Amino acid sequence: MFSVDDVLNSGTTLIYEIHHFLKTPLKQLKTAVLVNRNHKKYPVKADYKGISLSTSLQEHVNVLFEPKKNRVFLD
């Protein structure tokens, strides 16, 4: 089973997803994120990462999905 998030910032989205899957008997759960910001406040990790960005908490990451032109911006 896979859990996917666009930007791993605090880990809140992944912890909610994992909590849901803990109610189901699974042999394995893998997590994947497009952008890992390394500001986790929950004990979650991404098994698969697109890119890792060292950012401040004040910066904002935008992920845009467009046909044949997906982009990530740091504001």
Protein backbone atom coordinates (compact mmCIF):
# COMPACT_ATOMS: atom_id res chain seq x y z
CA MET A 1 0.00 0.00 0.00
CA PHE A 2 1.25 3.47 -0.87
CA SER A 3 0.56 6.82 0.75
CA VAL A 4 1.47 9.84 -1.40
CA ASP A 5 1.79 13.54 -0.57
CA ASP A 6 2.91 16.45 -2.74
CA VAL A 7 4.97 18.38 -0.14
CA LEU A 8 6.14 16.86 3.14
CA ASN A 9 6.31 19.89 5.39
CA SER A 10 5.21 19.09 8.96
CA GLY A 11 4.05 15.53 8.34
CA THR A 12 0.43 16.31 9.24
CA THR A 13 -1.05 14.97 5.99
CA LEU A 14 1.00 11.77 6.08
CA ILE A 15 0.17 11.11 9.74
CA TYR A 16 -3.56 11.40 8.96
CA GLU A 17 -3.17 9.02 6.01
CA ILE A 18 -1.14 6.53 8.05
CA HIS A 19 -3.66 6.70 10.90
CA HIS A 20 -6.40 5.67 8.45
CA PHE A 21 -4.38 2.70 7.18
CA LEU A 22 -3.47 1.50 10.68
CA LYS A 23 -7.09 0.38 11.04
CA THR A 24 -6.57 -2.04 8.13
CA PRO A 25 -4.34 -5.12 8.34
CA LEU A 26 -1.37 -4.40 6.05
CA LYS A 27 1.92 -6.16 5.57
CA GLN A 28 3.68 -3.02 4.41
CA LEU A 29 3.01 0.70 3.94
CA LYS A 30 5.35 2.89 1.89
CA THR A 31 5.20 6.67 1.71
CA ALA A 32 6.15 8.89 -1.22
CA VAL A 33 6.43 12.66 -1.52
CA LEU A 34 7.32 14.93 -4.41
CA VAL A 35 9.08 17.52 -2.21
CA ASN A 36 10.59 16.86 1.24
CA ARG A 37 11.11 20.05 3.29
CA ASN A 38 12.52 18.39 6.44
CA HIS A 39 10.34 20.31 8.96
CA LYS A 40 8.55 17.33 10.48
CA LYS A 41 6.69 17.63 13.78
CA TYR A 42 5.38 14.04 13.56
CA PRO A 43 7.47 10.86 13.44
CA VAL A 44 6.89 10.10 9.75
CA LYS A 45 9.37 9.68 6.93
CA ALA A 46 9.14 9.43 3.20
CA ASP A 47 10.37 6.18 1.72
CA TYR A 48 10.52 7.76 -1.73
CA LYS A 49 11.31 11.47 -2.38
CA GLY A 50 11.32 13.47 -5.56
CA ILE A 51 13.54 16.27 -4.23
CA SER A 52 14.67 17.47 -0.79
CA LEU A 53 14.69 21.21 -0.09
CA SER A 54 16.29 22.91 2.89
CA THR A 55 13.85 25.72 3.52
CA SER A 56 12.82 28.02 6.33
CA LEU A 57 9.38 27.73 7.88
CA GLN A 58 8.45 31.12 6.36
CA GLU A 59 9.07 29.97 2.79
CA HIS A 60 6.30 28.38 0.76
CA VAL A 61 6.55 25.57 -1.81
CA ASN A 62 4.14 25.50 -4.75
CA VAL A 63 3.73 22.39 -6.89
CA LEU A 64 2.03 22.96 -10.25
CA PHE A 65 0.80 20.09 -12.41
CA GLU A 66 0.29 21.03 -16.03
CA PRO A 67 0.29 18.88 -19.16
CA LYS A 68 3.93 18.12 -20.05
CA LYS A 69 5.18 20.85 -17.68
CA ASN A 70 5.13 20.02 -13.95
CA ARG A 71 6.97 22.55 -11.79
CA VAL A 72 7.98 23.29 -8.19
CA PHE A 73 8.46 26.87 -6.98
CA LEU A 74 9.94 28.15 -3.74
CA ASP A 75 8.44 31.49 -2.57
